[in-house]
Amino acid sequence: MNIDTIVDKEYVDKSFRELADAPVSALRGLSPKDAKALQAAFGVSTVRDLAQLNFVRWACAISILADEEQLAPAEKAKEELLDDAVEMTFPASDPISVDAGITRIEVAPEKVDAQRDHQHAAKVEESTEIGRETETTS
C-alpha cells in the first residue's frame, strides 16, 4: 500500500512513528471537524489513540474471527443438501472417461417426456448413434 493514498499530503514524507503521533485528521478522509468529534466522543486525538481504542480493536477482532468461523451444524447440513441437489441436476464434476474419448452430439435431442426418459438419455443415445453414423460415412 502506498502511504500517500491514506494520509493527507502534508504527512506523506513522515515516518510511521511520526504518523502514529499525528492527529487523526492526518488520515485522508478525516477532517478537523471529525477529529474534534472523535476527541469529544472517545478521547482520541492521535492516530495511535484511534488504533488503540478498544472499540476499534474489538471490531477488528470480530471481523477477523467472522471470516474464520465454521458453519453451524444446521447451516452445514443445508449447504451439503444444496450441493447434493445441484450435483444431481447437473453432474458437472463427473470426470470424462479417458478410454472412451469424447463423443460429440451432432443432432440435438428433441424434448422428451421426463417421466419416461430421465435427462433425455434415450434421445441423447439416439442422437449419438446418428452422429457416429455421420462420422463413419464422411
Protein backbone atom coordinates (compact mmCIF):
# COMPACT_ATOMS: atom_id res chain seq x y z
CA MET A 1 0.00 0.00 0.00
CA ASN A 2 1.28 3.41 -0.89
CA ILE A 3 1.18 5.67 2.19
CA ASP A 4 0.17 8.71 0.16
CA THR A 5 -3.21 7.10 -0.51
CA ILE A 6 -4.14 7.01 3.20
CA VAL A 7 -2.66 10.19 4.67
CA ASP A 8 -3.04 13.85 3.78
CA LYS A 9 -0.35 15.47 1.61
CA GLU A 10 1.48 17.20 4.46
CA TYR A 11 2.08 13.81 6.16
CA VAL A 12 3.34 11.83 3.14
CA ASP A 13 7.04 12.30 3.98
CA LYS A 14 6.63 11.40 7.70
CA SER A 15 7.90 8.21 9.32
CA PHE A 16 5.46 5.70 10.79
CA ARG A 17 6.41 6.83 14.32
CA GLU A 18 5.58 10.41 13.38
CA LEU A 19 2.32 9.28 11.75
CA ALA A 20 1.29 7.34 14.86
CA ASP A 21 1.64 10.52 16.95
CA ALA A 22 -0.02 12.74 14.32
CA PRO A 23 -3.59 13.97 14.82
CA VAL A 24 -6.31 11.70 13.42
CA SER A 25 -7.07 14.38 10.84
CA ALA A 26 -3.78 13.30 9.18
CA LEU A 27 -5.70 10.29 7.86
CA ARG A 28 -7.21 11.00 4.48
CA GLY A 29 -10.95 11.48 4.77
CA LEU A 30 -10.96 12.61 8.41
CA SER A 31 -11.50 16.34 8.66
CA PRO A 32 -10.58 18.54 11.64
CA LYS A 33 -14.30 18.53 12.46
CA ASP A 34 -14.29 14.69 12.50
CA ALA A 35 -11.17 14.77 14.70
CA LYS A 36 -12.99 17.02 17.21
CA ALA A 37 -15.94 14.61 17.24
CA LEU A 38 -13.63 11.65 17.95
CA GLN A 39 -11.93 13.66 20.71
CA ALA A 40 -15.28 14.53 22.28
CA ALA A 41 -16.77 11.04 21.97
CA PHE A 42 -13.79 8.80 22.75
CA GLY A 43 -10.90 11.00 23.90
CA VAL A 44 -9.00 10.15 20.72
CA SER A 45 -6.54 12.76 19.48
CA THR A 46 -3.80 10.85 17.62
CA VAL A 47 -3.66 8.03 15.09
CA ARG A 48 -2.17 5.82 17.83
CA ASP A 49 -5.10 6.64 20.16
CA LEU A 50 -7.53 5.63 17.43
CA ALA A 51 -5.69 2.35 16.77
CA GLN A 52 -5.62 1.51 20.49
CA LEU A 53 -9.27 2.35 21.06
CA ASN A 54 -10.99 -0.73 22.47
CA PHE A 55 -13.96 -0.35 20.15
CA VAL A 56 -11.66 -0.40 17.12
CA ARG A 57 -9.75 -3.44 18.45
CA TRP A 58 -12.98 -5.30 19.19
CA ALA A 59 -14.38 -4.51 15.74
CA CYS A 60 -11.15 -5.74 14.08
CA ALA A 61 -11.14 -8.94 16.16
CA ILE A 62 -14.80 -9.68 15.40
CA SER A 63 -14.23 -9.08 11.70
CA ILE A 64 -11.19 -11.38 11.58
CA LEU A 65 -12.93 -14.13 13.56
CA ALA A 66 -16.08 -13.88 11.43
CA ASP A 67 -14.02 -14.69 8.35
CA GLU A 68 -12.64 -17.83 10.06
CA GLU A 69 -15.83 -19.01 11.77
CA GLN A 70 -17.06 -22.50 10.90
CA LEU A 71 -20.63 -23.09 9.79
CA ALA A 72 -23.12 -24.18 12.46
CA PRO A 73 -24.20 -27.83 12.07
CA ALA A 74 -27.62 -26.82 10.67
CA GLU A 75 -26.03 -24.42 8.15
CA LYS A 76 -23.52 -27.09 7.13
CA ALA A 77 -26.30 -29.62 6.58
CA LYS A 78 -28.25 -27.15 4.43
CA GLU A 79 -25.11 -26.42 2.41
CA GLU A 80 -24.45 -30.14 1.84
CA LEU A 81 -28.07 -30.75 0.83
CA LEU A 82 -27.85 -27.89 -1.64
CA ASP A 83 -24.58 -29.24 -3.05
CA ASP A 84 -26.12 -32.71 -3.42
CA ALA A 85 -29.19 -31.28 -5.15
CA VAL A 86 -27.07 -29.31 -7.61
CA GLU A 87 -24.91 -32.37 -8.27
CA MET A 88 -27.98 -34.47 -9.06
CA THR A 89 -29.34 -31.92 -11.53
CA PHE A 90 -26.05 -31.06 -13.18
CA PRO A 91 -23.22 -33.54 -12.60
CA ALA A 92 -20.51 -31.12 -13.71
CA SER A 93 -17.87 -32.76 -11.55
CA ASP A 94 -18.18 -36.16 -13.24
CA PRO A 95 -14.84 -36.96 -14.87
CA ILE A 96 -14.60 -37.53 -18.62
CA SER A 97 -13.94 -41.15 -19.44
CA VAL A 98 -10.34 -41.42 -20.60
CA ASP A 99 -10.61 -44.63 -22.60
CA ALA A 100 -13.94 -43.84 -24.32
CA GLY A 101 -12.94 -40.49 -25.78
CA ILE A 102 -15.30 -37.57 -26.13
CA THR A 103 -18.43 -38.09 -28.19
CA ARG A 104 -19.87 -35.11 -29.98
CA ILE A 105 -23.65 -34.93 -30.32
CA GLU A 106 -24.35 -33.93 -33.91
CA VAL A 107 -28.14 -33.77 -33.71
CA ALA A 108 -29.74 -32.08 -30.72
CA PRO A 109 -32.30 -34.28 -28.96
CA GLU A 110 -35.94 -33.21 -29.14
CA LYS A 111 -37.92 -32.52 -25.99
CA VAL A 112 -38.99 -35.74 -24.34
CA ASP A 113 -41.27 -36.76 -21.52
CA ALA A 114 -39.09 -36.73 -18.40
CA GLN A 115 -41.18 -39.44 -16.72
CA ARG A 116 -40.20 -41.99 -19.37
CA ASP A 117 -36.79 -40.65 -20.35
CA HIS A 118 -34.70 -39.36 -17.42
CA GLN A 119 -32.46 -36.48 -18.51
CA HIS A 120 -33.18 -37.33 -22.18
CA ALA A 121 -31.00 -40.45 -22.03
CA ALA A 122 -32.78 -42.21 -24.91
CA LYS A 123 -32.73 -39.15 -27.16
CA VAL A 124 -29.08 -38.48 -26.36
CA GLU A 125 -28.20 -42.09 -27.19
CA GLU A 126 -30.19 -41.89 -30.43
CA SER A 127 -28.51 -38.61 -31.35
CA THR A 128 -25.09 -40.07 -30.54
CA GLU A 129 -25.74 -43.02 -32.85
CA ILE A 130 -26.78 -40.65 -35.65
CA GLY A 131 -23.58 -38.67 -35.07
CA ARG A 132 -21.45 -41.82 -35.22
CA GLU A 133 -23.09 -42.90 -38.46
CA THR A 134 -22.48 -39.45 -39.95
CA GLU A 135 -18.80 -39.52 -38.90
CA THR A 136 -18.35 -43.03 -40.33
CA THR A 137 -19.82 -42.13 -43.70
CA SER A 138 -17.80 -38.93 -44.07
